[in-house]
Amino acid sequence: MKALILGYTFVFSIGIYMCAILVDINRAEDARWKQIVTTAELHYKLLQNSYDICMESL
């Protein structure tokens, strides 16, 4: 079960990170794009924290 949670968290965090990279940062001047980038970064940080917690528990 721990491995399943760990794998899901890792894959999902990589996906969120890649989405944040794929968003063109030049378009971030538009408020909507800024919001998308900020949301993706926040989700990535939260998932990174949960990944670290999972690694410590193993």
N, C-alpha and C. Protein backbone atom coordinates (compact mmCIF):
# COMPACT_ATOMS: atom_id res chain seq x y z
N MET A 1 0.83 -1.20 0.00
CA MET A 1 0.00 0.00 0.00
C MET A 1 0.87 1.26 0.00
N LYS A 2 1.93 1.23 0.80
CA LYS A 2 2.83 2.39 0.83
C LYS A 2 3.47 2.61 -0.54
N ALA A 3 3.83 1.50 -1.19
CA ALA A 3 4.47 1.62 -2.51
C ALA A 3 3.49 2.20 -3.52
N LEU A 4 2.22 1.83 -3.42
CA LEU A 4 1.20 2.35 -4.33
C LEU A 4 1.04 3.86 -4.14
N ILE A 5 0.93 4.29 -2.88
CA ILE A 5 0.80 5.72 -2.59
C ILE A 5 2.04 6.46 -3.04
N LEU A 6 3.19 5.89 -2.77
CA LEU A 6 4.46 6.51 -3.15
C LEU A 6 4.56 6.66 -4.67
N GLY A 7 4.24 5.60 -5.39
CA GLY A 7 4.30 5.65 -6.85
C GLY A 7 3.33 6.65 -7.43
N TYR A 8 2.09 6.65 -6.92
CA TYR A 8 1.08 7.58 -7.41
C TYR A 8 1.50 9.02 -7.16
N THR A 9 1.99 9.30 -5.96
CA THR A 9 2.41 10.66 -5.62
C THR A 9 3.56 11.11 -6.50
N PHE A 10 4.52 10.22 -6.72
CA PHE A 10 5.68 10.56 -7.53
C PHE A 10 5.28 10.86 -8.97
N VAL A 11 4.48 9.98 -9.57
CA VAL A 11 4.07 10.16 -10.96
C VAL A 11 3.21 11.41 -11.11
N PHE A 12 2.30 11.63 -10.17
CA PHE A 12 1.41 12.78 -10.24
C PHE A 12 2.19 14.08 -10.08
N SER A 13 3.18 14.09 -9.17
CA SER A 13 3.98 15.31 -8.97
C SER A 13 4.83 15.60 -10.20
N ILE A 14 5.35 14.57 -10.85
CA ILE A 14 6.12 14.77 -12.08
C ILE A 14 5.21 15.35 -13.16
N GLY A 15 3.98 14.84 -13.25
CA GLY A 15 3.02 15.35 -14.24
C GLY A 15 2.69 16.81 -14.02
N ILE A 16 2.44 17.19 -12.77
CA ILE A 16 2.13 18.59 -12.45
C ILE A 16 3.33 19.46 -12.80
N TYR A 17 4.53 18.98 -12.47
CA TYR A 17 5.74 19.75 -12.75
C TYR A 17 5.92 19.96 -14.25
N MET A 18 5.69 18.91 -15.04
CA MET A 18 5.83 19.02 -16.49
C MET A 18 4.79 19.99 -17.06
N CYS A 19 3.57 19.98 -16.52
CA CYS A 19 2.55 20.93 -16.97
C CYS A 19 2.99 22.36 -16.69
N ALA A 20 3.60 22.57 -15.53
CA ALA A 20 4.06 23.91 -15.19
C ALA A 20 5.16 24.36 -16.14
N ILE A 21 6.03 23.44 -16.55
CA ILE A 21 7.10 23.79 -17.48
C ILE A 21 6.53 24.08 -18.87
N LEU A 22 5.52 23.28 -19.29
CA LEU A 22 4.97 23.42 -20.63
C LEU A 22 4.20 24.72 -20.82
N VAL A 23 3.69 25.29 -19.71
CA VAL A 23 3.00 26.58 -19.83
C VAL A 23 4.04 27.63 -20.20
N ASP A 24 3.77 28.35 -21.28
CA ASP A 24 4.72 29.36 -21.75
C ASP A 24 4.80 30.48 -20.73
N ILE A 25 5.98 30.69 -20.16
CA ILE A 25 6.14 31.68 -19.10
C ILE A 25 5.95 33.10 -19.65
N ASN A 26 6.20 33.28 -20.95
CA ASN A 26 5.98 34.60 -21.54
C ASN A 26 4.52 35.02 -21.47
N ARG A 27 3.62 34.04 -21.47
CA ARG A 27 2.19 34.34 -21.38
C ARG A 27 1.77 34.62 -19.94
N ALA A 28 2.68 34.49 -19.00
CA ALA A 28 2.34 34.65 -17.59
C ALA A 28 1.97 36.09 -17.25
N GLU A 29 2.17 37.01 -18.18
CA GLU A 29 1.74 38.38 -17.94
C GLU A 29 0.22 38.46 -17.86
N ASP A 30 -0.45 37.57 -18.56
CA ASP A 30 -1.90 37.48 -18.45
C ASP A 30 -2.24 36.89 -17.08
N ALA A 31 -3.24 37.47 -16.43
CA ALA A 31 -3.58 37.05 -15.06
C ALA A 31 -3.97 35.57 -15.00
N ARG A 32 -4.66 35.09 -16.02
CA ARG A 32 -5.09 33.70 -16.01
C ARG A 32 -3.89 32.76 -16.05
N TRP A 33 -2.91 33.06 -16.89
CA TRP A 33 -1.72 32.21 -16.98
C TRP A 33 -0.92 32.27 -15.69
N LYS A 34 -0.85 33.46 -15.07
CA LYS A 34 -0.16 33.56 -13.78
C LYS A 34 -0.83 32.64 -12.76
N GLN A 35 -2.16 32.63 -12.77
CA GLN A 35 -2.89 31.80 -11.82
C GLN A 35 -2.62 30.32 -12.08
N ILE A 36 -2.59 29.92 -13.35
CA ILE A 36 -2.32 28.52 -13.69
C ILE A 36 -0.93 28.11 -13.22
N VAL A 37 0.06 28.95 -13.51
CA VAL A 37 1.44 28.64 -13.12
C VAL A 37 1.56 28.56 -11.60
N THR A 38 0.97 29.54 -10.90
CA THR A 38 1.04 29.56 -9.44
C THR A 38 0.36 28.33 -8.85
N THR A 39 -0.80 27.97 -9.38
CA THR A 39 -1.51 26.79 -8.88
C THR A 39 -0.69 25.53 -9.11
N ALA A 40 -0.09 25.40 -10.28
CA ALA A 40 0.73 24.21 -10.56
C ALA A 40 1.93 24.15 -9.62
N GLU A 41 2.55 25.30 -9.36
CA GLU A 41 3.70 25.31 -8.46
C GLU A 41 3.29 24.94 -7.04
N LEU A 42 2.15 25.45 -6.58
CA LEU A 42 1.68 25.11 -5.23
C LEU A 42 1.37 23.63 -5.12
N HIS A 43 0.70 23.07 -6.13
CA HIS A 43 0.40 21.64 -6.11
C HIS A 43 1.69 20.83 -6.11
N TYR A 44 2.67 21.26 -6.89
CA TYR A 44 3.93 20.53 -6.93
C TYR A 44 4.62 20.55 -5.57
N LYS A 45 4.61 21.72 -4.90
CA LYS A 45 5.24 21.80 -3.58
C LYS A 45 4.52 20.91 -2.57
N LEU A 46 3.18 20.91 -2.61
CA LEU A 46 2.42 20.05 -1.70
C LEU A 46 2.72 18.58 -1.95
N LEU A 47 2.75 18.19 -3.23
CA LEU A 47 3.02 16.80 -3.56
C LEU A 47 4.46 16.42 -3.23
N GLN A 48 5.38 17.36 -3.38
CA GLN A 48 6.77 17.09 -3.02
C GLN A 48 6.89 16.84 -1.52
N ASN A 49 6.16 17.63 -0.72
CA ASN A 49 6.16 17.42 0.73
C ASN A 49 5.60 16.05 1.08
N SER A 50 4.49 15.66 0.45
CA SER A 50 3.90 14.35 0.74
C SER A 50 4.83 13.23 0.28
N TYR A 51 5.55 13.44 -0.82
CA TYR A 51 6.52 12.45 -1.29
C TYR A 51 7.65 12.29 -0.27
N ASP A 52 8.14 13.41 0.26
CA ASP A 52 9.20 13.35 1.27
C ASP A 52 8.72 12.62 2.52
N ILE A 53 7.47 12.87 2.92
CA ILE A 53 6.92 12.20 4.10
C ILE A 53 6.82 10.69 3.84
N CYS A 54 6.38 10.32 2.64
CA CYS A 54 6.30 8.90 2.29
C CYS A 54 7.67 8.25 2.33
N MET A 55 8.68 8.94 1.81
CA MET A 55 10.04 8.39 1.81
C MET A 55 10.56 8.21 3.22
N GLU A 56 10.24 9.15 4.12
CA GLU A 56 10.69 9.03 5.50
C GLU A 56 10.00 7.86 6.20
N SER A 57 8.73 7.61 5.86
CA SER A 57 8.00 6.53 6.53
C SER A 57 8.46 5.15 6.07
N LEU A 58 9.09 5.09 4.89
CA LEU A 58 9.61 3.79 4.42
C LEU A 58 10.90 3.53 5.07
